[in-house]
């Protein structure tokens, strides 16, 4: 059986279709069926510009390795506007993601790679979600706290207890249950990648609280969560000060770090892996990887956007879709 990997084009007026066409222009040899989901006109514009003969078939009848295109219903009147924000791009992104979820939840696909969408476009089209993660979680019957955002780089790998709340709200959102849940998911993820060593846990406060002198969240919330994780047999360590733990992870002491909030974890990661890391949603009943950048309207059509994150997201989806052993 050849695995089926879905790739949504995201906002078709953004970088997604260009990245896909530039990749196809390299003549990749596929061992799986890659199903592109989105409006064909957005692909054709870039294919013509790159002198790429359309190399995708249509429909799901042919299950052999190769590239297939599915166009969601409701996009018959879609007109590409490369490099422009428009609500039609949000509609295409939302309908494409909805179709991808249908295929994933029915067992007809193994994993999903998502190209970037514009959250304002998604809202303008009537999809009331902050972004991909929340959309996918709800379609899978999960709540936003059931999943964990993870950025996977070649060396640094970082999970987040909280994602995009205002900084003033973070302490109240860092709970024992949320820390423990993210530790379980992160430990399972690094195990699936075959990476040894403990998952490191950041403290919330400077110097990891300095024994309670700079805050007590470490002793009242984070340390008990770590103890519970260890009682379940998980290999975890900490809490460590955030200003040193990433250096240790960079040296190879830890396969991943669990950070308490967005900039605490992603600042260090993007310093060393900007444009080459992969956004992974842990906790879904299917594999989901994504590029770590936005729609890049100002770069569309210039063929200068970095391909690294897209290629890494596709490669990781392949690796995670293969049966273990």
C-alpha atoms as a PDB file:
ATOM      1  CA  UNK A   1       0.000   0.000   0.000  1.00  0.00           C
ATOM      2  CA  UNK A   2       1.303   3.420  -0.954  1.00  0.00           C
ATOM      3  CA  UNK A   3       0.522   6.138   1.622  1.00  0.00           C
ATOM      4  CA  UNK A   4      -1.542   9.117   0.559  1.00  0.00           C
ATOM      5  CA  UNK A   5      -0.231  12.510   1.630  1.00  0.00           C
ATOM      6  CA  UNK A   6      -2.500  15.517   1.250  1.00  0.00           C
ATOM      7  CA  UNK A   7      -1.153  18.994   0.551  1.00  0.00           C
ATOM      8  CA  UNK A   8      -3.489  21.957   0.788  1.00  0.00           C
ATOM      9  CA  UNK A   9      -2.442  24.995  -1.237  1.00  0.00           C
ATOM     10  CA  UNK A  10      -3.499  27.338   1.584  1.00  0.00           C
ATOM     11  CA  UNK A  11      -4.364  30.800   0.319  1.00  0.00           C
ATOM     12  CA  UNK A  12      -3.961  30.219  -3.450  1.00  0.00           C
ATOM     13  CA  UNK A  13      -2.972  33.875  -3.889  1.00  0.00           C
ATOM     14  CA  UNK A  14      -0.026  33.329  -1.541  1.00  0.00           C
ATOM     15  CA  UNK A  15       3.150  31.292  -1.799  1.00  0.00           C
ATOM     16  CA  UNK A  16       1.583  27.815  -1.631  1.00  0.00           C
ATOM     17  CA  UNK A  17       0.955  27.196  -5.356  1.00  0.00           C
ATOM     18  CA  UNK A  18       4.321  28.698  -6.311  1.00  0.00           C
ATOM     19  CA  UNK A  19       6.220  26.470  -3.857  1.00  0.00           C
ATOM     20  CA  UNK A  20       4.393  23.401  -5.123  1.00  0.00           C
ATOM     21  CA  UNK A  21       5.107  24.219  -8.775  1.00  0.00           C
ATOM     22  CA  UNK A  22       8.748  25.020  -8.130  1.00  0.00           C
ATOM     23  CA  UNK A  23       9.063  21.656  -6.382  1.00  0.00           C
ATOM     24  CA  UNK A  24       7.290  19.809  -9.204  1.00  0.00           C
ATOM     25  CA  UNK A  25       9.599  21.526 -11.713  1.00  0.00           C
ATOM     26  CA  UNK A  26      12.523  19.647 -10.133  1.00  0.00           C
ATOM     27  CA  UNK A  27      10.967  16.361 -11.290  1.00  0.00           C
ATOM     28  CA  UNK A  28      10.671  14.674  -7.888  1.00  0.00           C
ATOM     29  CA  UNK A  29      10.316  10.897  -7.831  1.00  0.00           C
ATOM     30  CA  UNK A  30       7.461   9.894  -5.559  1.00  0.00           C
ATOM     31  CA  UNK A  31       6.995   6.692  -3.603  1.00  0.00           C
ATOM     32  CA  UNK A  32       3.572   7.819  -2.423  1.00  0.00           C
ATOM     33  CA  UNK A  33       0.450   9.443  -3.806  1.00  0.00           C
ATOM     34  CA  UNK A  34       0.543  13.181  -3.190  1.00  0.00           C
ATOM     35  CA  UNK A  35      -2.890  14.791  -3.400  1.00  0.00           C
ATOM     36  CA  UNK A  36      -2.923  18.545  -3.941  1.00  0.00           C
ATOM     37  CA  UNK A  37      -6.104  20.246  -2.728  1.00  0.00           C
ATOM     38  CA  UNK A  38      -7.023  23.667  -4.056  1.00  0.00           C
ATOM     39  CA  UNK A  39      -8.042  25.545  -7.223  1.00  0.00           C
ATOM     40  CA  UNK A  40      -6.243  24.463 -10.387  1.00  0.00           C
ATOM     41  CA  UNK A  41      -6.096  27.998 -11.903  1.00  0.00           C
ATOM     42  CA  UNK A  42      -3.703  29.040  -9.123  1.00  0.00           C
ATOM     43  CA  UNK A  43      -1.343  26.212 -10.078  1.00  0.00           C
ATOM     44  CA  UNK A  44      -1.628  26.841 -13.815  1.00  0.00           C
ATOM     45  CA  UNK A  45      -0.456  30.444 -13.501  1.00  0.00           C
ATOM     46  CA  UNK A  46       2.803  29.386 -11.866  1.00  0.00           C
ATOM     47  CA  UNK A  47       3.216  26.317 -14.058  1.00  0.00           C
ATOM     48  CA  UNK A  48       3.047  28.510 -17.172  1.00  0.00           C
ATOM     49  CA  UNK A  49       5.473  30.990 -15.696  1.00  0.00           C
ATOM     50  CA  UNK A  50       7.955  28.177 -14.912  1.00  0.00           C
ATOM     51  CA  UNK A  51       7.437  26.370 -18.242  1.00  0.00           C
ATOM     52  CA  UNK A  52       6.112  23.412 -16.258  1.00  0.00           C
ATOM     53  CA  UNK A  53       3.758  21.111 -18.082  1.00  0.00           C
ATOM     54  CA  UNK A  54       0.875  20.256 -15.722  1.00  0.00           C
ATOM     55  CA  UNK A  55       1.877  16.866 -14.339  1.00  0.00           C
ATOM     56  CA  UNK A  56      -1.023  16.128 -12.057  1.00  0.00           C
ATOM     57  CA  UNK A  57      -3.920  13.814 -12.675  1.00  0.00           C
ATOM     58  CA  UNK A  58      -7.383  14.422 -11.244  1.00  0.00           C
ATOM     59  CA  UNK A  59      -9.542  12.383  -8.882  1.00  0.00           C
ATOM     60  CA  UNK A  60      -8.745   9.670  -6.360  1.00  0.00           C
ATOM     61  CA  UNK A  61      -9.370   6.615  -8.506  1.00  0.00           C
ATOM     62  CA  UNK A  62      -5.688   6.045  -9.299  1.00  0.00           C
ATOM     63  CA  UNK A  63      -3.940   5.061  -6.060  1.00  0.00           C
ATOM     64  CA  UNK A  64      -0.477   4.611  -7.568  1.00  0.00           C
ATOM     65  CA  UNK A  65       2.401   6.945  -6.636  1.00  0.00           C
ATOM     66  CA  UNK A  66       2.229  10.329  -8.298  1.00  0.00           C
ATOM     67  CA  UNK A  67       0.554  13.717  -8.031  1.00  0.00           C
ATOM     68  CA  UNK A  68      -3.212  14.120  -7.994  1.00  0.00           C
ATOM     69  CA  UNK A  69      -5.288  17.300  -7.822  1.00  0.00           C
ATOM     70  CA  UNK A  70      -8.620  17.683  -6.062  1.00  0.00           C
ATOM     71  CA  UNK A  71     -10.620  20.897  -6.397  1.00  0.00           C
ATOM     72  CA  UNK A  72     -13.162  21.525  -3.627  1.00  0.00           C
ATOM     73  CA  UNK A  73     -16.724  22.212  -4.634  1.00  0.00           C
ATOM     74  CA  UNK A  74     -17.646  25.881  -4.551  1.00  0.00           C
ATOM     75  CA  UNK A  75     -14.554  27.209  -6.337  1.00  0.00           C
ATOM     76  CA  UNK A  76     -15.795  27.142  -9.928  1.00  0.00           C
ATOM     77  CA  UNK A  77     -15.652  30.924 -10.158  1.00  0.00           C
ATOM     78  CA  UNK A  78     -12.276  31.302  -8.458  1.00  0.00           C
ATOM     79  CA  UNK A  79     -10.029  33.870 -10.156  1.00  0.00           C
ATOM     80  CA  UNK A  80      -6.371  33.895  -9.081  1.00  0.00           C
ATOM     81  CA  UNK A  81      -4.948  37.144  -7.772  1.00  0.00           C
ATOM     82  CA  UNK A  82      -1.312  36.211  -7.149  1.00  0.00           C
ATOM     83  CA  UNK A  83       0.262  38.298  -4.433  1.00  0.00           C
ATOM     84  CA  UNK A  84      -3.008  39.952  -3.362  1.00  0.00           C
ATOM     85  CA  UNK A  85      -5.112  39.581  -0.255  1.00  0.00           C
ATOM     86  CA  UNK A  86      -8.698  38.742  -1.177  1.00  0.00           C
ATOM     87  CA  UNK A  87     -11.564  36.989   0.603  1.00  0.00           C
ATOM     88  CA  UNK A  88     -11.730  34.464  -2.254  1.00  0.00           C
ATOM     89  CA  UNK A  89      -8.324  33.204  -1.137  1.00  0.00           C
ATOM     90  CA  UNK A  90      -9.680  32.638   2.357  1.00  0.00           C
ATOM     91  CA  UNK A  91     -12.683  30.779   0.947  1.00  0.00           C
ATOM     92  CA  UNK A  92     -10.448  28.520  -1.129  1.00  0.00           C
ATOM     93  CA  UNK A  93      -8.203  27.857   1.876  1.00  0.00           C
ATOM     94  CA  UNK A  94     -11.142  27.013   4.138  1.00  0.00           C
ATOM     95  CA  UNK A  95     -12.898  24.747   1.642  1.00  0.00           C
ATOM     96  CA  UNK A  96      -9.624  22.968   0.845  1.00  0.00           C
ATOM     97  CA  UNK A  97      -8.926  22.342   4.514  1.00  0.00           C
ATOM     98  CA  UNK A  98     -12.465  21.079   5.028  1.00  0.00           C
ATOM     99  CA  UNK A  99     -12.071  18.576   2.176  1.00  0.00           C
ATOM    100  CA  UNK A 100      -8.709  17.459   3.550  1.00  0.00           C
ATOM    101  CA  UNK A 101     -10.318  16.761   6.931  1.00  0.00           C
ATOM    102  CA  UNK A 102     -13.027  14.660   5.257  1.00  0.00           C
ATOM    103  CA  UNK A 103     -10.366  12.488   3.635  1.00  0.00           C
ATOM    104  CA  UNK A 104      -8.208  12.212   6.753  1.00  0.00           C
ATOM    105  CA  UNK A 105     -11.020  11.380   9.137  1.00  0.00           C
ATOM    106  CA  UNK A 106     -12.436   8.769   6.752  1.00  0.00           C
ATOM    107  CA  UNK A 107      -9.057   7.030   6.632  1.00  0.00           C
ATOM    108  CA  UNK A 108      -8.419   7.796   2.961  1.00  0.00           C
ATOM    109  CA  UNK A 109      -5.170   9.668   3.649  1.00  0.00           C
ATOM    110  CA  UNK A 110      -2.241   9.211   6.013  1.00  0.00           C
ATOM    111  CA  UNK A 111      -1.102  12.769   6.588  1.00  0.00           C
ATOM    112  CA  UNK A 112      -1.530  16.430   5.722  1.00  0.00           C
ATOM    113  CA  UNK A 113       0.950  19.122   4.706  1.00  0.00           C
ATOM    114  CA  UNK A 114      -0.513  22.619   4.831  1.00  0.00           C
ATOM    115  CA  UNK A 115       0.705  25.623   2.872  1.00  0.00           C
ATOM    116  CA  UNK A 116       0.121  29.025   4.489  1.00  0.00           C
ATOM    117  CA  UNK A 117      -3.237  30.727   4.706  1.00  0.00           C
ATOM    118  CA  UNK A 118      -4.230  34.210   5.775  1.00  0.00           C
ATOM    119  CA  UNK A 119      -6.255  34.233   9.002  1.00  0.00           C
ATOM    120  CA  UNK A 120      -8.058  37.459   8.065  1.00  0.00           C
ATOM    121  CA  UNK A 121      -9.011  35.905   4.710  1.00  0.00           C
ATOM    122  CA  UNK A 122     -10.287  32.807   6.479  1.00  0.00           C
ATOM    123  CA  UNK A 123     -12.481  34.975   8.715  1.00  0.00           C
ATOM    124  CA  UNK A 124     -13.688  37.097   5.798  1.00  0.00           C
ATOM    125  CA  UNK A 125     -14.867  33.917   4.076  1.00  0.00           C
ATOM    126  CA  UNK A 126     -16.916  32.900   7.113  1.00  0.00           C
ATOM    127  CA  UNK A 127     -14.556  30.398   8.750  1.00  0.00           C
ATOM    128  CA  UNK A 128     -14.437  31.457  12.401  1.00  0.00           C
ATOM    129  CA  UNK A 129     -11.088  29.961  13.405  1.00  0.00           C
ATOM    130  CA  UNK A 130      -7.812  31.608  14.438  1.00  0.00           C
ATOM    131  CA  UNK A 131      -5.925  29.335  12.041  1.00  0.00           C
ATOM    132  CA  UNK A 132      -5.079  25.812  10.910  1.00  0.00           C
ATOM    133  CA  UNK A 133      -4.562  24.293  14.362  1.00  0.00           C
ATOM    134  CA  UNK A 134      -7.946  25.246  15.770  1.00  0.00           C
ATOM    135  CA  UNK A 135      -9.726  24.305  12.522  1.00  0.00           C
ATOM    136  CA  UNK A 136      -8.165  20.828  12.480  1.00  0.00           C
ATOM    137  CA  UNK A 137      -8.717  20.240  16.195  1.00  0.00           C
ATOM    138  CA  UNK A 138     -12.436  21.033  15.981  1.00  0.00           C
ATOM    139  CA  UNK A 139     -12.940  18.888  12.876  1.00  0.00           C
ATOM    140  CA  UNK A 140     -11.248  16.023  14.746  1.00  0.00           C
ATOM    141  CA  UNK A 141     -13.608  16.458  17.692  1.00  0.00           C
ATOM    142  CA  UNK A 142     -10.926  17.940  19.938  1.00  0.00           C
ATOM    143  CA  UNK A 143     -10.620  21.124  21.921  1.00  0.00           C
ATOM    144  CA  UNK A 144      -7.792  23.648  21.563  1.00  0.00           C
ATOM    145  CA  UNK A 145      -6.169  22.316  24.754  1.00  0.00           C
ATOM    146  CA  UNK A 146      -6.052  18.749  23.410  1.00  0.00           C
ATOM    147  CA  UNK A 147      -3.358  19.578  20.865  1.00  0.00           C
ATOM    148  CA  UNK A 148       0.151  20.937  21.202  1.00  0.00           C
ATOM    149  CA  UNK A 149       2.016  23.216  18.795  1.00  0.00           C
ATOM    150  CA  UNK A 150       5.504  21.960  17.977  1.00  0.00           C
ATOM    151  CA  UNK A 151       8.230  23.447  15.775  1.00  0.00           C
ATOM    152  CA  UNK A 152      10.699  20.869  14.513  1.00  0.00           C
ATOM    153  CA  UNK A 153      14.087  22.006  13.255  1.00  0.00           C
ATOM    154  CA  UNK A 154      17.128  19.982  12.210  1.00  0.00           C
ATOM    155  CA  UNK A 155      18.666  20.375  15.680  1.00  0.00           C
ATOM    156  CA  UNK A 156      16.260  22.253  17.952  1.00  0.00           C
ATOM    157  CA  UNK A 157      12.715  20.999  18.497  1.00  0.00           C
ATOM    158  CA  UNK A 158      10.303  23.016  20.618  1.00  0.00           C
ATOM    159  CA  UNK A 159       6.798  22.378  21.934  1.00  0.00           C
ATOM    160  CA  UNK A 160       4.622  25.108  23.434  1.00  0.00           C
ATOM    161  CA  UNK A 161       2.324  24.908  26.457  1.00  0.00           C
ATOM    162  CA  UNK A 162       0.569  28.097  25.294  1.00  0.00           C
ATOM    163  CA  UNK A 163       0.458  29.430  21.751  1.00  0.00           C
ATOM    164  CA  UNK A 164      -0.863  32.924  20.973  1.00  0.00           C
ATOM    165  CA  UNK A 165      -2.487  34.496  24.060  1.00  0.00           C
ATOM    166  CA  UNK A 166      -1.405  37.940  25.310  1.00  0.00           C
ATOM    167  CA  UNK A 167       1.615  37.562  27.552  1.00  0.00           C
ATOM    168  CA  UNK A 168      -0.314  38.789  30.603  1.00  0.00           C
ATOM    169  CA  UNK A 169      -2.642  35.765  30.308  1.00  0.00           C
ATOM    170  CA  UNK A 170       0.093  33.129  30.081  1.00  0.00           C
ATOM    171  CA  UNK A 171       0.614  32.319  33.805  1.00  0.00           C
ATOM    172  CA  UNK A 172      -3.041  31.394  34.304  1.00  0.00           C
ATOM    173  CA  UNK A 173      -2.948  29.130  31.242  1.00  0.00           C
ATOM    174  CA  UNK A 174       0.104  27.175  32.421  1.00  0.00           C
ATOM    175  CA  UNK A 175      -1.570  24.365  34.376  1.00  0.00           C
ATOM    176  CA  UNK A 176      -0.344  20.979  35.573  1.00  0.00           C
ATOM    177  CA  UNK A 177      -2.686  19.185  33.188  1.00  0.00           C
ATOM    178  CA  UNK A 178      -1.610  21.229  30.168  1.00  0.00           C
ATOM    179  CA  UNK A 179       2.107  20.809  30.940  1.00  0.00           C
ATOM    180  CA  UNK A 180       1.640  17.073  31.464  1.00  0.00           C
ATOM    181  CA  UNK A 181      -0.386  16.676  28.269  1.00  0.00           C
ATOM    182  CA  UNK A 182       2.252  18.494  26.208  1.00  0.00           C
ATOM    183  CA  UNK A 183       4.987  16.368  27.779  1.00  0.00           C
ATOM    184  CA  UNK A 184       3.159  13.184  26.810  1.00  0.00           C
ATOM    185  CA  UNK A 185       2.699  14.347  23.223  1.00  0.00           C
ATOM    186  CA  UNK A 186       6.264  15.638  22.872  1.00  0.00           C
ATOM    187  CA  UNK A 187       7.800  12.470  24.336  1.00  0.00           C
ATOM    188  CA  UNK A 188       5.729  10.382  21.930  1.00  0.00           C
ATOM    189  CA  UNK A 189       6.815  12.549  18.998  1.00  0.00           C
ATOM    190  CA  UNK A 190      10.561  12.352  19.660  1.00  0.00           C
ATOM    191  CA  UNK A 191      10.178   8.608  20.209  1.00  0.00           C
ATOM    192  CA  UNK A 192       8.531   8.294  16.780  1.00  0.00           C
ATOM    193  CA  UNK A 193      11.560  10.072  15.322  1.00  0.00           C
ATOM    194  CA  UNK A 194      13.887   7.668  17.141  1.00  0.00           C
ATOM    195  CA  UNK A 195      15.547  10.434  19.171  1.00  0.00           C
ATOM    196  CA  UNK A 196      16.987   9.455  22.570  1.00  0.00           C
ATOM    197  CA  UNK A 197      17.282  11.556  25.708  1.00  0.00           C
ATOM    198  CA  UNK A 198      14.955  13.441  28.031  1.00  0.00           C
ATOM    199  CA  UNK A 199      12.561  16.164  26.973  1.00  0.00           C
ATOM    200  CA  UNK A 200      13.696  19.343  28.723  1.00  0.00           C
ATOM    201  CA  UNK A 201      11.141  21.589  30.422  1.00  0.00           C
ATOM    202  CA  UNK A 202      11.508  25.366  30.709  1.00  0.00           C
ATOM    203  CA  UNK A 203      10.589  27.264  33.796  1.00  0.00           C
ATOM    204  CA  UNK A 204       8.074  30.052  33.441  1.00  0.00           C
ATOM    205  CA  UNK A 205      10.014  32.665  35.388  1.00  0.00           C
ATOM    206  CA  UNK A 206      13.570  33.984  34.977  1.00  0.00           C
ATOM    207  CA  UNK A 207      16.115  31.521  36.400  1.00  0.00           C
ATOM    208  CA  UNK A 208      13.258  28.982  36.637  1.00  0.00           C
ATOM    209  CA  UNK A 209      11.920  30.860  39.653  1.00  0.00           C
ATOM    210  CA  UNK A 210      15.192  30.741  41.583  1.00  0.00           C
ATOM    211  CA  UNK A 211      13.780  28.451  44.289  1.00  0.00           C
ATOM    212  CA  UNK A 212      10.620  30.523  44.632  1.00  0.00           C
ATOM    213  CA  UNK A 213      12.256  33.919  44.942  1.00  0.00           C
ATOM    214  CA  UNK A 214      11.082  34.999  41.454  1.00  0.00           C
ATOM    215  CA  UNK A 215       7.732  33.198  41.344  1.00  0.00           C
ATOM    216  CA  UNK A 216       6.329  29.873  42.463  1.00  0.00           C
ATOM    217  CA  UNK A 217       4.847  28.430  39.245  1.00  0.00           C
ATOM    218  CA  UNK A 218       7.845  26.106  38.958  1.00  0.00           C
ATOM    219  CA  UNK A 219       7.283  24.505  42.376  1.00  0.00           C
ATOM    220  CA  UNK A 220       3.471  24.521  42.356  1.00  0.00           C
ATOM    221  CA  UNK A 221       2.728  23.658  38.713  1.00  0.00           C
ATOM    222  CA  UNK A 222       5.691  22.643  36.559  1.00  0.00           C
ATOM    223  CA  UNK A 223       7.595  20.387  38.962  1.00  0.00           C
ATOM    224  CA  UNK A 224       4.478  18.383  39.943  1.00  0.00           C
ATOM    225  CA  UNK A 225       3.667  17.933  36.242  1.00  0.00           C
ATOM    226  CA  UNK A 226       7.196  16.649  35.619  1.00  0.00           C
ATOM    227  CA  UNK A 227       6.874  14.260  38.565  1.00  0.00           C
ATOM    228  CA  UNK A 228       3.614  12.903  37.166  1.00  0.00           C
ATOM    229  CA  UNK A 229       5.212  12.464  33.743  1.00  0.00           C
ATOM    230  CA  UNK A 230       8.094  10.526  35.270  1.00  0.00           C
ATOM    231  CA  UNK A 231       5.657   8.325  37.187  1.00  0.00           C
ATOM    232  CA  UNK A 232       4.205   7.370  33.806  1.00  0.00           C
ATOM    233  CA  UNK A 233       7.652   6.343  32.588  1.00  0.00           C
ATOM    234  CA  UNK A 234       8.334   9.430  30.456  1.00  0.00           C
ATOM    235  CA  UNK A 235      11.923  10.617  30.132  1.00  0.00           C
ATOM    236  CA  UNK A 236      11.720  14.300  31.061  1.00  0.00           C
ATOM    237  CA  UNK A 237      13.975  16.736  32.906  1.00  0.00           C
ATOM    238  CA  UNK A 238      13.717  20.198  34.445  1.00  0.00           C
ATOM    239  CA  UNK A 239      12.503  22.781  34.980  1.00  0.00           C
ATOM    240  CA  UNK A 240      15.486  24.632  33.566  1.00  0.00           C
ATOM    241  CA  UNK A 241      16.089  28.366  33.072  1.00  0.00           C
ATOM    242  CA  UNK A 242      15.072  29.292  29.544  1.00  0.00           C
ATOM    243  CA  UNK A 243      18.227  31.348  29.002  1.00  0.00           C
ATOM    244  CA  UNK A 244      20.434  28.228  29.162  1.00  0.00           C
ATOM    245  CA  UNK A 245      18.346  25.198  28.250  1.00  0.00           C
ATOM    246  CA  UNK A 246      18.247  25.928  24.508  1.00  0.00           C
ATOM    247  CA  UNK A 247      22.028  26.079  24.370  1.00  0.00           C
ATOM    248  CA  UNK A 248      22.136  22.623  25.956  1.00  0.00           C
ATOM    249  CA  UNK A 249      19.536  21.326  23.521  1.00  0.00           C
ATOM    250  CA  UNK A 250      21.527  22.810  20.626  1.00  0.00           C
ATOM    251  CA  UNK A 251      24.560  20.840  21.855  1.00  0.00           C
ATOM    252  CA  UNK A 252      22.510  17.625  21.859  1.00  0.00           C
ATOM    253  CA  UNK A 253      21.661  17.158  25.537  1.00  0.00           C
ATOM    254  CA  UNK A 254      17.920  17.086  24.824  1.00  0.00           C
ATOM    255  CA  UNK A 255      15.921  15.974  21.747  1.00  0.00           C
ATOM    256  CA  UNK A 256      13.224  18.587  22.441  1.00  0.00           C
ATOM    257  CA  UNK A 257      12.309  21.422  24.778  1.00  0.00           C
ATOM    258  CA  UNK A 258       8.885  22.210  26.202  1.00  0.00           C
ATOM    259  CA  UNK A 259       8.526  25.993  26.496  1.00  0.00           C
ATOM    260  CA  UNK A 260       5.805  27.725  28.465  1.00  0.00           C
ATOM    261  CA  UNK A 261       4.957  30.407  25.901  1.00  0.00           C
ATOM    262  CA  UNK A 262       5.446  31.357  22.265  1.00  0.00           C
ATOM    263  CA  UNK A 263       8.425  33.703  22.215  1.00  0.00           C
ATOM    264  CA  UNK A 264      10.239  31.842  24.986  1.00  0.00           C
ATOM    265  CA  UNK A 265      10.500  28.815  22.724  1.00  0.00           C
ATOM    266  CA  UNK A 266      10.332  30.094  19.173  1.00  0.00           C
ATOM    267  CA  UNK A 267      12.775  32.972  19.536  1.00  0.00           C
ATOM    268  CA  UNK A 268      15.734  30.594  20.022  1.00  0.00           C
ATOM    269  CA  UNK A 269      14.449  28.128  17.436  1.00  0.00           C
ATOM    270  CA  UNK A 270      13.954  30.687  14.680  1.00  0.00           C
ATOM    271  CA  UNK A 271      17.322  32.253  15.405  1.00  0.00           C
ATOM    272  CA  UNK A 272      19.026  29.058  14.237  1.00  0.00           C
ATOM    273  CA  UNK A 273      16.382  27.431  12.003  1.00  0.00           C
ATOM    274  CA  UNK A 274      14.549  30.313  10.334  1.00  0.00           C
ATOM    275  CA  UNK A 275      13.027  29.115   7.072  1.00  0.00           C
ATOM    276  CA  UNK A 276      13.832  25.438   7.616  1.00  0.00           C
ATOM    277  CA  UNK A 277      11.691  24.336  10.570  1.00  0.00           C
ATOM    278  CA  UNK A 278       8.355  22.550  10.388  1.00  0.00           C
ATOM    279  CA  UNK A 279       5.173  23.313  12.309  1.00  0.00           C
ATOM    280  CA  UNK A 280       3.659  20.067  13.628  1.00  0.00           C
ATOM    281  CA  UNK A 281       0.330  19.764  15.422  1.00  0.00           C
ATOM    282  CA  UNK A 282       0.720  17.078  18.091  1.00  0.00           C
ATOM    283  CA  UNK A 283      -2.360  15.306  19.433  1.00  0.00           C
ATOM    284  CA  UNK A 284      -4.416  15.050  16.234  1.00  0.00           C
ATOM    285  CA  UNK A 285      -5.572  11.591  15.072  1.00  0.00           C
ATOM    286  CA  UNK A 286      -3.569  12.134  11.881  1.00  0.00           C
ATOM    287  CA  UNK A 287      -0.199  13.602  10.920  1.00  0.00           C
ATOM    288  CA  UNK A 288      -0.178  17.325  10.178  1.00  0.00           C
ATOM    289  CA  UNK A 289       2.907  19.289   9.212  1.00  0.00           C
ATOM    290  CA  UNK A 290       3.180  22.804   7.850  1.00  0.00           C
ATOM    291  CA  UNK A 291       5.594  25.422   6.646  1.00  0.00           C
ATOM    292  CA  UNK A 292       6.770  27.817   9.350  1.00  0.00           C
ATOM    293  CA  UNK A 293       6.052  31.004   7.361  1.00  0.00           C
ATOM    294  CA  UNK A 294       3.114  33.018   6.120  1.00  0.00           C
ATOM    295  CA  UNK A 295       1.528  33.693   2.742  1.00  0.00           C
ATOM    296  CA  UNK A 296       4.326  36.041   1.631  1.00  0.00           C
ATOM    297  CA  UNK A 297       2.196  38.021  -0.814  1.00  0.00           C
ATOM    298  CA  UNK A 298       5.120  40.356  -1.536  1.00  0.00           C
ATOM    299  CA  UNK A 299       7.280  37.408  -2.676  1.00  0.00           C
ATOM    300  CA  UNK A 300       4.781  35.648  -4.931  1.00  0.00           C
ATOM    301  CA  UNK A 301       5.965  35.275  -8.524  1.00  0.00           C
ATOM    302  CA  UNK A 302       9.557  36.240  -7.789  1.00  0.00           C
ATOM    303  CA  UNK A 303      10.813  32.673  -7.191  1.00  0.00           C
ATOM    304  CA  UNK A 304      12.963  33.891  -4.325  1.00  0.00           C
ATOM    305  CA  UNK A 305      11.008  32.459  -1.389  1.00  0.00           C
ATOM    306  CA  UNK A 306      12.964  29.852   0.568  1.00  0.00           C
ATOM    307  CA  UNK A 307      11.809  26.323  -0.258  1.00  0.00           C
ATOM    308  CA  UNK A 308      13.411  24.815   2.844  1.00  0.00           C
ATOM    309  CA  UNK A 309      10.408  24.732   5.163  1.00  0.00           C
ATOM    310  CA  UNK A 310       8.059  23.299   2.516  1.00  0.00           C
ATOM    311  CA  UNK A 311      10.508  20.529   1.637  1.00  0.00           C
ATOM    312  CA  UNK A 312      11.112  19.778   5.310  1.00  0.00           C
ATOM    313  CA  UNK A 313       7.356  19.646   6.017  1.00  0.00           C
ATOM    314  CA  UNK A 314       6.830  17.202   3.155  1.00  0.00           C
ATOM    315  CA  UNK A 315       9.767  15.048   4.237  1.00  0.00           C
ATOM    316  CA  UNK A 316       8.582  14.904   7.860  1.00  0.00           C
ATOM    317  CA  UNK A 317       5.053  13.979   6.775  1.00  0.00           C
ATOM    318  CA  UNK A 318       6.545  11.110   4.766  1.00  0.00           C
ATOM    319  CA  UNK A 319       8.617   9.901   7.714  1.00  0.00           C
ATOM    320  CA  UNK A 320       5.720  10.014  10.159  1.00  0.00           C
ATOM    321  CA  UNK A 321       3.370   8.303   7.696  1.00  0.00           C
ATOM    322  CA  UNK A 322       5.545   5.218   7.376  1.00  0.00           C
ATOM    323  CA  UNK A 323       4.784   2.264   9.655  1.00  0.00           C
ATOM    324  CA  UNK A 324       7.242   1.971  12.551  1.00  0.00           C
ATOM    325  CA  UNK A 325       9.756  -0.847  11.943  1.00  0.00           C
END
